[in-house]
Amino acid sequence: MAKKSMINREKNRKYPTRVRNRCSRCGRPRGYMRRFDLCRICFRELANEGQIPGVVKSSW
């Protein structure tokens, strides 16, 4: 889990092109989904709990 200082550092970068997207929930930089502002792990947890509106587990 990323430290709060790492998350704040990404928000206040000198050069905006160097900003790294991070999960708003846990601060993870990889597996980030822009649409939900979450990493894949947090997205999966919240989607399974039904916390994200409009997201349904697929089945066919």
PDB file of N, CA and C in Angstrom:
ATOM      1  N   MET A   1       0.839  -1.171   0.000  1.00  0.00           N
ATOM      2  CA  MET A   1       0.000   0.000   0.000  1.00  0.00           C
ATOM      3  C   MET A   1       0.889   1.241   0.000  1.00  0.00           C
ATOM      4  N   ALA A   2       0.555   2.205  -0.817  1.00  0.00           N
ATOM      5  CA  ALA A   2       1.361   3.410  -0.952  1.00  0.00           C
ATOM      6  C   ALA A   2       1.167   4.322   0.257  1.00  0.00           C
ATOM      7  N   LYS A   3       2.249   4.981   0.631  1.00  0.00           N
ATOM      8  CA  LYS A   3       2.159   5.939   1.720  1.00  0.00           C
ATOM      9  C   LYS A   3       1.376   7.158   1.265  1.00  0.00           C
ATOM     10  N   LYS A   4       0.790   7.856   2.227  1.00  0.00           N
ATOM     11  CA  LYS A   4       0.047   9.074   1.888  1.00  0.00           C
ATOM     12  C   LYS A   4       0.969  10.110   1.275  1.00  0.00           C
ATOM     13  N   SER A   5       2.234  10.113   1.685  1.00  0.00           N
ATOM     14  CA  SER A   5       3.182  11.078   1.127  1.00  0.00           C
ATOM     15  C   SER A   5       3.417  10.814  -0.357  1.00  0.00           C
ATOM     16  N   MET A   6       3.421   9.545  -0.763  1.00  0.00           N
ATOM     17  CA  MET A   6       3.606   9.210  -2.181  1.00  0.00           C
ATOM     18  C   MET A   6       2.411   9.659  -3.008  1.00  0.00           C
ATOM     19  N   ILE A   7       1.217   9.507  -2.453  1.00  0.00           N
ATOM     20  CA  ILE A   7       0.006   9.925  -3.157  1.00  0.00           C
ATOM     21  C   ILE A   7      -0.014  11.440  -3.308  1.00  0.00           C
ATOM     22  N   ASN A   8       0.326  12.154  -2.243  1.00  0.00           N
ATOM     23  CA  ASN A   8       0.352  13.616  -2.304  1.00  0.00           C
ATOM     24  C   ASN A   8       1.442  14.121  -3.237  1.00  0.00           C
ATOM     25  N   ARG A   9       2.560  13.439  -3.292  1.00  0.00           N
ATOM     26  CA  ARG A   9       3.657  13.844  -4.163  1.00  0.00           C
ATOM     27  C   ARG A   9       3.237  13.785  -5.628  1.00  0.00           C
ATOM     28  N   GLU A  10       2.441  12.774  -5.984  1.00  0.00           N
ATOM     29  CA  GLU A  10       1.982  12.648  -7.362  1.00  0.00           C
ATOM     30  C   GLU A  10       1.035  13.779  -7.749  1.00  0.00           C
ATOM     31  N   LYS A  11       0.281  14.276  -6.793  1.00  0.00           N
ATOM     32  CA  LYS A  11      -0.663  15.356  -7.084  1.00  0.00           C
ATOM     33  C   LYS A  11       0.043  16.694  -7.286  1.00  0.00           C
ATOM     34  N   ASN A  12       1.162  16.894  -6.613  1.00  0.00           N
ATOM     35  CA  ASN A  12       1.850  18.190  -6.635  1.00  0.00           C
ATOM     36  C   ASN A  12       3.173  18.127  -7.392  1.00  0.00           C
ATOM     37  N   ARG A  13       3.184  17.547  -8.560  1.00  0.00           N
ATOM     38  CA  ARG A  13       4.394  17.448  -9.375  1.00  0.00           C
ATOM     39  C   ARG A  13       4.721  18.767 -10.056  1.00  0.00           C
ATOM     40  N   LYS A  14       6.005  19.019 -10.267  1.00  0.00           N
ATOM     41  CA  LYS A  14       6.446  20.223 -10.959  1.00  0.00           C
ATOM     42  C   LYS A  14       6.050  20.176 -12.430  1.00  0.00           C
ATOM     43  N   TYR A  15       6.233  19.016 -13.051  1.00  0.00           N
ATOM     44  CA  TYR A  15       5.886  18.836 -14.457  1.00  0.00           C
ATOM     45  C   TYR A  15       4.682  17.917 -14.551  1.00  0.00           C
ATOM     46  N   PRO A  16       3.552  18.418 -15.080  1.00  0.00           N
ATOM     47  CA  PRO A  16       2.330  17.600 -15.083  1.00  0.00           C
ATOM     48  C   PRO A  16       2.405  16.348 -15.945  1.00  0.00           C
ATOM     49  N   THR A  17       3.324  16.283 -16.909  1.00  0.00           N
ATOM     50  CA  THR A  17       3.420  15.089 -17.748  1.00  0.00           C
ATOM     51  C   THR A  17       4.023  13.909 -16.996  1.00  0.00           C
ATOM     52  N   ARG A  18       4.663  14.172 -15.888  1.00  0.00           N
ATOM     53  CA  ARG A  18       5.295  13.098 -15.111  1.00  0.00           C
ATOM     54  C   ARG A  18       4.379  12.511 -14.043  1.00  0.00           C
ATOM     55  N   VAL A  19       3.177  13.008 -13.927  1.00  0.00           N
ATOM     56  CA  VAL A  19       2.256  12.535 -12.896  1.00  0.00           C
ATOM     57  C   VAL A  19       1.878  11.087 -13.175  1.00  0.00           C
ATOM     58  N   ARG A  20       1.902  10.282 -12.127  1.00  0.00           N
ATOM     59  CA  ARG A  20       1.545   8.866 -12.230  1.00  0.00           C
ATOM     60  C   ARG A  20       0.161   8.676 -11.645  1.00  0.00           C
ATOM     61  N   ASN A  21      -0.740   8.095 -12.407  1.00  0.00           N
ATOM     62  CA  ASN A  21      -2.087   7.842 -11.901  1.00  0.00           C
ATOM     63  C   ASN A  21      -2.022   6.788 -10.810  1.00  0.00           C
ATOM     64  N   ARG A  22      -2.760   7.038  -9.731  1.00  0.00           N
ATOM     65  CA  ARG A  22      -2.807   6.094  -8.620  1.00  0.00           C
ATOM     66  C   ARG A  22      -4.245   5.835  -8.207  1.00  0.00           C
ATOM     67  N   CYS A  23      -4.460   4.673  -7.676  1.00  0.00           N
ATOM     68  CA  CYS A  23      -5.780   4.288  -7.184  1.00  0.00           C
ATOM     69  C   CYS A  23      -6.182   5.234  -6.050  1.00  0.00           C
ATOM     70  N   SER A  24      -7.418   5.708  -6.086  1.00  0.00           N
ATOM     71  CA  SER A  24      -7.877   6.643  -5.053  1.00  0.00           C
ATOM     72  C   SER A  24      -8.105   5.944  -3.718  1.00  0.00           C
ATOM     73  N   ARG A  25      -8.250   4.627  -3.761  1.00  0.00           N
ATOM     74  CA  ARG A  25      -8.555   3.874  -2.551  1.00  0.00           C
ATOM     75  C   ARG A  25      -7.304   3.370  -1.838  1.00  0.00           C
ATOM     76  N   CYS A  26      -6.371   2.785  -2.591  1.00  0.00           N
ATOM     77  CA  CYS A  26      -5.196   2.181  -1.956  1.00  0.00           C
ATOM     78  C   CYS A  26      -3.871   2.813  -2.392  1.00  0.00           C
ATOM     79  N   GLY A  27      -3.873   3.577  -3.484  1.00  0.00           N
ATOM     80  CA  GLY A  27      -2.654   4.250  -3.929  1.00  0.00           C
ATOM     81  C   GLY A  27      -1.800   3.435  -4.870  1.00  0.00           C
ATOM     82  N   ARG A  28      -2.305   2.320  -5.358  1.00  0.00           N
ATOM     83  CA  ARG A  28      -1.528   1.448  -6.251  1.00  0.00           C
ATOM     84  C   ARG A  28      -1.360   2.100  -7.621  1.00  0.00           C
ATOM     85  N   PRO A  29      -0.125   2.156  -8.162  1.00  0.00           N
ATOM     86  CA  PRO A  29       0.089   2.811  -9.453  1.00  0.00           C
ATOM     87  C   PRO A  29      -0.159   1.932 -10.671  1.00  0.00           C
ATOM     88  N   ARG A  30      -0.144   0.619 -10.506  1.00  0.00           N
ATOM     89  CA  ARG A  30      -0.306  -0.270 -11.661  1.00  0.00           C
ATOM     90  C   ARG A  30      -1.712  -0.842 -11.716  1.00  0.00           C
ATOM     91  N   GLY A  31      -2.145  -1.199 -12.921  1.00  0.00           N
ATOM     92  CA  GLY A  31      -3.481  -1.755 -13.096  1.00  0.00           C
ATOM     93  C   GLY A  31      -4.558  -0.723 -12.837  1.00  0.00           C
ATOM     94  N   TYR A  32      -4.287   0.542 -13.181  1.00  0.00           N
ATOM     95  CA  TYR A  32      -5.189   1.652 -12.897  1.00  0.00           C
ATOM     96  C   TYR A  32      -6.224   1.817 -14.006  1.00  0.00           C
ATOM     97  N   MET A  33      -7.482   2.029 -13.626  1.00  0.00           N
ATOM     98  CA  MET A  33      -8.552   2.272 -14.597  1.00  0.00           C
ATOM     99  C   MET A  33      -9.024   3.703 -14.436  1.00  0.00           C
ATOM    100  N   ARG A  34      -8.804   4.507 -15.473  1.00  0.00           N
ATOM    101  CA  ARG A  34      -9.162   5.926 -15.413  1.00  0.00           C
ATOM    102  C   ARG A  34     -10.646   6.155 -15.173  1.00  0.00           C
ATOM    103  N   ARG A  35     -11.455   5.377 -15.828  1.00  0.00           N
ATOM    104  CA  ARG A  35     -12.902   5.578 -15.758  1.00  0.00           C
ATOM    105  C   ARG A  35     -13.430   5.507 -14.330  1.00  0.00           C
ATOM    106  N   PHE A  36     -12.843   4.647 -13.514  1.00  0.00           N
ATOM    107  CA  PHE A  36     -13.307   4.455 -12.147  1.00  0.00           C
ATOM    108  C   PHE A  36     -12.356   5.031 -11.108  1.00  0.00           C
ATOM    109  N   ASP A  37     -11.176   5.473 -11.518  1.00  0.00           N
ATOM    110  CA  ASP A  37     -10.156   6.025 -10.619  1.00  0.00           C
ATOM    111  C   ASP A  37      -9.747   4.993  -9.562  1.00  0.00           C
ATOM    112  N   LEU A  38      -9.704   3.717  -9.984  1.00  0.00           N
ATOM    113  CA  LEU A  38      -9.360   2.619  -9.081  1.00  0.00           C
ATOM    114  C   LEU A  38      -8.375   1.677  -9.753  1.00  0.00           C
ATOM    115  N   CYS A  39      -7.642   0.909  -8.947  1.00  0.00           N
ATOM    116  CA  CYS A  39      -6.810  -0.151  -9.503  1.00  0.00           C
ATOM    117  C   CYS A  39      -7.694  -1.373  -9.739  1.00  0.00           C
ATOM    118  N   ARG A  40      -7.168  -2.348 -10.440  1.00  0.00           N
ATOM    119  CA  ARG A  40      -7.961  -3.525 -10.806  1.00  0.00           C
ATOM    120  C   ARG A  40      -8.414  -4.323  -9.586  1.00  0.00           C
ATOM    121  N   ILE A  41      -7.605  -4.336  -8.541  1.00  0.00           N
ATOM    122  CA  ILE A  41      -7.928  -5.120  -7.350  1.00  0.00           C
ATOM    123  C   ILE A  41      -9.085  -4.475  -6.583  1.00  0.00           C
ATOM    124  N   CYS A  42      -8.985  -3.163  -6.371  1.00  0.00           N
ATOM    125  CA  CYS A  42     -10.056  -2.452  -5.670  1.00  0.00           C
ATOM    126  C   CYS A  42     -11.333  -2.451  -6.495  1.00  0.00           C
ATOM    127  N   PHE A  43     -11.187  -2.329  -7.808  1.00  0.00           N
ATOM    128  CA  PHE A  43     -12.351  -2.369  -8.689  1.00  0.00           C
ATOM    129  C   PHE A  43     -13.084  -3.689  -8.540  1.00  0.00           C
ATOM    130  N   ARG A  44     -12.351  -4.766  -8.532  1.00  0.00           N
ATOM    131  CA  ARG A  44     -12.960  -6.100  -8.435  1.00  0.00           C
ATOM    132  C   ARG A  44     -13.677  -6.281  -7.097  1.00  0.00           C
ATOM    133  N   GLU A  45     -13.047  -5.821  -6.015  1.00  0.00           N
ATOM    134  CA  GLU A  45     -13.660  -5.939  -4.697  1.00  0.00           C
ATOM    135  C   GLU A  45     -14.972  -5.162  -4.621  1.00  0.00           C
ATOM    136  N   LEU A  46     -14.942  -3.906  -5.090  1.00  0.00           N
ATOM    137  CA  LEU A  46     -16.139  -3.068  -5.028  1.00  0.00           C
ATOM    138  C   LEU A  46     -17.230  -3.558  -5.975  1.00  0.00           C
ATOM    139  N   ALA A  47     -16.833  -4.063  -7.149  1.00  0.00           N
ATOM    140  CA  ALA A  47     -17.813  -4.566  -8.108  1.00  0.00           C
ATOM    141  C   ALA A  47     -18.502  -5.816  -7.567  1.00  0.00           C
ATOM    142  N   ASN A  48     -17.776  -6.694  -6.919  1.00  0.00           N
ATOM    143  CA  ASN A  48     -18.376  -7.909  -6.346  1.00  0.00           C
ATOM    144  C   ASN A  48     -19.329  -7.587  -5.201  1.00  0.00           C
ATOM    145  N   GLU A  49     -19.039  -6.493  -4.476  1.00  0.00           N
ATOM    146  CA  GLU A  49     -19.921  -6.070  -3.384  1.00  0.00           C
ATOM    147  C   GLU A  49     -21.128  -5.295  -3.895  1.00  0.00           C
ATOM    148  N   GLY A  50     -21.091  -4.883  -5.171  1.00  0.00           N
ATOM    149  CA  GLY A  50     -22.189  -4.113  -5.740  1.00  0.00           C
ATOM    150  C   GLY A  50     -22.104  -2.632  -5.433  1.00  0.00           C
ATOM    151  N   GLN A  51     -20.918  -2.146  -5.103  1.00  0.00           N
ATOM    152  CA  GLN A  51     -20.725  -0.747  -4.734  1.00  0.00           C
ATOM    153  C   GLN A  51     -20.602   0.176  -5.931  1.00  0.00           C
ATOM    154  N   ILE A  52     -20.259  -0.358  -7.109  1.00  0.00           N
ATOM    155  CA  ILE A  52     -20.089   0.456  -8.312  1.00  0.00           C
ATOM    156  C   ILE A  52     -21.355   0.313  -9.151  1.00  0.00           C
ATOM    157  N   PRO A  53     -22.111   1.412  -9.339  1.00  0.00           N
ATOM    158  CA  PRO A  53     -23.358   1.307 -10.094  1.00  0.00           C
ATOM    159  C   PRO A  53     -23.115   1.029 -11.566  1.00  0.00           C
ATOM    160  N   GLY A  54     -23.927   0.151 -12.134  1.00  0.00           N
ATOM    161  CA  GLY A  54     -23.847  -0.168 -13.557  1.00  0.00           C
ATOM    162  C   GLY A  54     -22.874  -1.261 -13.913  1.00  0.00           C
ATOM    163  N   VAL A  55     -22.140  -1.791 -12.962  1.00  0.00           N
ATOM    164  CA  VAL A  55     -21.174  -2.853 -13.223  1.00  0.00           C
ATOM    165  C   VAL A  55     -21.783  -4.181 -12.772  1.00  0.00           C
ATOM    166  N   VAL A  56     -21.862  -5.106 -13.709  1.00  0.00           N
ATOM    167  CA  VAL A  56     -22.433  -6.421 -13.422  1.00  0.00           C
ATOM    168  C   VAL A  56     -21.423  -7.480 -13.831  1.00  0.00           C
ATOM    169  N   LYS A  57     -21.286  -8.510 -13.043  1.00  0.00           N
ATOM    170  CA  LYS A  57     -20.392  -9.608 -13.367  1.00  0.00           C
ATOM    171  C   LYS A  57     -20.941 -10.337 -14.591  1.00  0.00           C
ATOM    172  N   SER A  58     -20.084 -10.542 -15.574  1.00  0.00           N
ATOM    173  CA  SER A  58     -20.547 -11.159 -16.813  1.00  0.00           C
ATOM    174  C   SER A  58     -20.730 -12.668 -16.646  1.00  0.00           C
ATOM    175  N   SER A  59     -21.688 -13.190 -17.395  1.00  0.00           N
ATOM    176  CA  SER A  59     -21.898 -14.633 -17.440  1.00  0.00           C
ATOM    177  C   SER A  59     -22.530 -14.962 -18.783  1.00  0.00           C
ATOM    178  N   TRP A  60     -22.059 -16.044 -19.396  1.00  0.00           N
ATOM    179  CA  TRP A  60     -22.619 -16.456 -20.685  1.00  0.00           C
ATOM    180  C   TRP A  60     -22.519 -17.952 -20.856  1.00  0.00           C
TER     181      TRP A  60
END
